[in-house]
N, C-alpha and C. Protein backbone atom coordinates (compact mmCIF):
# COMPACT_ATOMS: atom_id res chain seq x y z
N UNK A 1 -21.21 20.08 7.84
CA UNK A 1 -20.66 19.24 8.89
C UNK A 1 -20.45 17.81 8.39
N UNK A 2 -21.41 17.29 7.59
CA UNK A 2 -21.26 15.94 7.07
C UNK A 2 -20.06 15.84 6.14
N UNK A 3 -19.82 16.91 5.39
CA UNK A 3 -18.68 16.90 4.46
C UNK A 3 -17.37 16.78 5.23
N UNK A 4 -17.25 17.47 6.34
CA UNK A 4 -16.04 17.40 7.15
C UNK A 4 -15.81 15.99 7.68
N UNK A 5 -16.88 15.33 8.09
CA UNK A 5 -16.75 13.97 8.60
C UNK A 5 -16.27 13.03 7.50
N UNK A 6 -16.82 13.20 6.30
CA UNK A 6 -16.40 12.34 5.19
C UNK A 6 -14.94 12.59 4.82
N UNK A 7 -14.50 13.83 4.89
CA UNK A 7 -13.10 14.13 4.61
C UNK A 7 -12.19 13.51 5.65
N UNK A 8 -12.60 13.53 6.90
CA UNK A 8 -11.81 12.91 7.96
C UNK A 8 -11.74 11.40 7.75
N UNK A 9 -12.86 10.78 7.43
CA UNK A 9 -12.88 9.34 7.18
C UNK A 9 -11.97 9.00 5.99
N UNK A 10 -12.06 9.77 4.93
CA UNK A 10 -11.22 9.54 3.75
C UNK A 10 -9.74 9.69 4.10
N UNK A 11 -9.40 10.69 4.88
CA UNK A 11 -8.01 10.90 5.28
C UNK A 11 -7.49 9.73 6.11
N UNK A 12 -8.30 9.21 7.01
CA UNK A 12 -7.88 8.08 7.84
C UNK A 12 -7.69 6.84 6.97
N UNK A 13 -8.62 6.60 6.05
CA UNK A 13 -8.51 5.42 5.18
C UNK A 13 -7.24 5.51 4.33
N UNK A 14 -6.98 6.67 3.75
CA UNK A 14 -5.77 6.83 2.94
C UNK A 14 -4.50 6.72 3.79
N UNK A 15 -4.54 7.25 4.99
CA UNK A 15 -3.38 7.17 5.87
C UNK A 15 -3.04 5.73 6.22
N UNK A 16 -4.04 4.87 6.27
CA UNK A 16 -3.80 3.45 6.54
C UNK A 16 -3.50 2.67 5.27
N UNK A 17 -4.14 3.01 4.18
CA UNK A 17 -4.03 2.23 2.95
C UNK A 17 -2.68 2.40 2.27
N UNK A 18 -2.15 3.59 2.24
CA UNK A 18 -0.91 3.83 1.50
C UNK A 18 0.26 3.05 2.10
N UNK A 19 0.52 3.12 3.41
CA UNK A 19 1.62 2.31 3.95
C UNK A 19 1.38 0.81 3.80
N UNK A 20 0.13 0.38 3.93
CA UNK A 20 -0.17 -1.05 3.77
C UNK A 20 0.14 -1.53 2.37
N UNK A 21 -0.18 -0.73 1.37
CA UNK A 21 0.08 -1.15 -0.01
C UNK A 21 1.57 -1.18 -0.30
N UNK A 22 2.33 -0.25 0.25
CA UNK A 22 3.78 -0.27 0.06
C UNK A 22 4.37 -1.50 0.74
N UNK A 23 3.92 -1.79 1.95
CA UNK A 23 4.38 -2.99 2.66
C UNK A 23 4.01 -4.24 1.89
N UNK A 24 2.80 -4.29 1.38
CA UNK A 24 2.32 -5.48 0.66
C UNK A 24 3.07 -5.67 -0.65
N UNK A 25 3.48 -4.61 -1.27
CA UNK A 25 4.18 -4.72 -2.55
C UNK A 25 5.57 -5.31 -2.40
N UNK A 26 6.11 -5.31 -1.19
CA UNK A 26 7.50 -5.72 -1.00
C UNK A 26 7.65 -6.98 -0.17
N UNK A 27 6.60 -7.56 0.32
CA UNK A 27 6.69 -8.70 1.23
C UNK A 27 5.79 -9.83 0.73
N UNK A 28 6.23 -11.06 0.92
CA UNK A 28 5.40 -12.21 0.56
C UNK A 28 5.01 -12.97 1.82
N UNK A 29 3.76 -12.86 2.19
CA UNK A 29 3.18 -13.61 3.29
C UNK A 29 1.68 -13.71 3.01
N UNK A 30 0.99 -14.60 3.69
CA UNK A 30 -0.46 -14.71 3.44
C UNK A 30 -1.21 -13.39 3.64
N UNK A 31 -0.84 -12.63 4.67
CA UNK A 31 -1.50 -11.35 4.93
C UNK A 31 -1.26 -10.37 3.79
N UNK A 32 0.00 -10.24 3.38
CA UNK A 32 0.29 -9.28 2.32
C UNK A 32 -0.29 -9.72 0.98
N UNK A 33 -0.37 -11.01 0.74
CA UNK A 33 -1.01 -11.48 -0.49
C UNK A 33 -2.50 -11.12 -0.50
N UNK A 34 -3.13 -11.16 0.66
CA UNK A 34 -4.54 -10.73 0.76
C UNK A 34 -4.67 -9.24 0.47
N UNK A 35 -3.73 -8.46 1.01
CA UNK A 35 -3.75 -7.01 0.76
C UNK A 35 -3.53 -6.73 -0.72
N UNK A 36 -2.57 -7.45 -1.33
CA UNK A 36 -2.32 -7.26 -2.76
C UNK A 36 -3.56 -7.57 -3.58
N UNK A 37 -4.24 -8.65 -3.24
CA UNK A 37 -5.46 -9.00 -3.97
C UNK A 37 -6.56 -7.98 -3.79
N UNK A 38 -6.69 -7.46 -2.57
CA UNK A 38 -7.74 -6.48 -2.30
C UNK A 38 -7.51 -5.18 -3.06
N UNK A 39 -6.27 -4.71 -3.08
CA UNK A 39 -5.96 -3.45 -3.74
C UNK A 39 -5.58 -3.62 -5.20
N UNK A 40 -5.50 -4.85 -5.69
CA UNK A 40 -5.20 -5.09 -7.10
C UNK A 40 -3.75 -4.80 -7.47
N UNK A 41 -2.84 -5.08 -6.57
CA UNK A 41 -1.42 -4.82 -6.81
C UNK A 41 -0.81 -6.01 -7.54
N UNK A 42 -0.15 -5.75 -8.65
CA UNK A 42 0.54 -6.79 -9.41
C UNK A 42 2.03 -6.44 -9.44
N UNK A 43 2.81 -7.07 -8.58
CA UNK A 43 4.23 -6.73 -8.48
C UNK A 43 5.08 -7.41 -9.54
N UNK A 44 4.50 -8.30 -10.33
CA UNK A 44 5.29 -9.00 -11.34
C UNK A 44 5.72 -8.07 -12.47
N UNK A 45 5.08 -6.92 -12.60
CA UNK A 45 5.41 -6.00 -13.69
C UNK A 45 6.38 -4.90 -13.26
N UNK A 46 6.86 -4.95 -12.03
CA UNK A 46 7.81 -3.94 -11.57
C UNK A 46 9.19 -4.20 -12.15
N UNK A 47 9.87 -3.12 -12.49
CA UNK A 47 11.25 -3.24 -12.94
C UNK A 47 12.14 -3.41 -11.71
N UNK A 48 13.37 -3.92 -11.91
CA UNK A 48 14.28 -4.04 -10.76
C UNK A 48 14.52 -2.71 -10.05
N UNK A 49 14.55 -1.63 -10.82
CA UNK A 49 14.75 -0.31 -10.21
C UNK A 49 13.57 0.06 -9.31
N UNK A 50 12.36 -0.22 -9.75
CA UNK A 50 11.17 0.07 -8.95
C UNK A 50 11.15 -0.78 -7.69
N UNK A 51 11.54 -2.05 -7.81
CA UNK A 51 11.60 -2.92 -6.63
C UNK A 51 12.62 -2.40 -5.63
N UNK A 52 13.75 -1.89 -6.13
CA UNK A 52 14.77 -1.34 -5.24
C UNK A 52 14.27 -0.09 -4.52
N UNK A 53 13.52 0.74 -5.22
CA UNK A 53 12.95 1.94 -4.60
C UNK A 53 12.01 1.55 -3.47
N UNK A 54 11.18 0.55 -3.70
CA UNK A 54 10.25 0.09 -2.66
C UNK A 54 11.01 -0.49 -1.48
N UNK A 55 12.05 -1.28 -1.76
CA UNK A 55 12.86 -1.86 -0.70
C UNK A 55 13.52 -0.77 0.14
N UNK A 56 14.09 0.23 -0.52
CA UNK A 56 14.71 1.34 0.21
C UNK A 56 13.69 2.10 1.04
N UNK A 57 12.49 2.30 0.50
CA UNK A 57 11.44 3.01 1.24
C UNK A 57 11.04 2.23 2.49
N UNK A 58 10.95 0.92 2.38
CA UNK A 58 10.55 0.10 3.54
C UNK A 58 11.61 0.09 4.63
N UNK A 59 12.86 0.30 4.27
CA UNK A 59 13.94 0.31 5.26
C UNK A 59 13.95 1.59 6.09
N UNK A 60 13.34 2.65 5.56
CA UNK A 60 13.35 3.95 6.27
C UNK A 60 12.43 3.94 7.45
């Protein structure tokens, strides 16, 4: 039973973390900069093609 609870908690955390990191990778604001720092995202190394993919994903 404890294992199921941990899996549910992990699923909820991932469900929230993945969209937040994609949003943070494409936007510059104090909130997103905090998210980038927390998750260790460095967008300076993205190629223009990767930036375009993220931009297109955020528009969907």
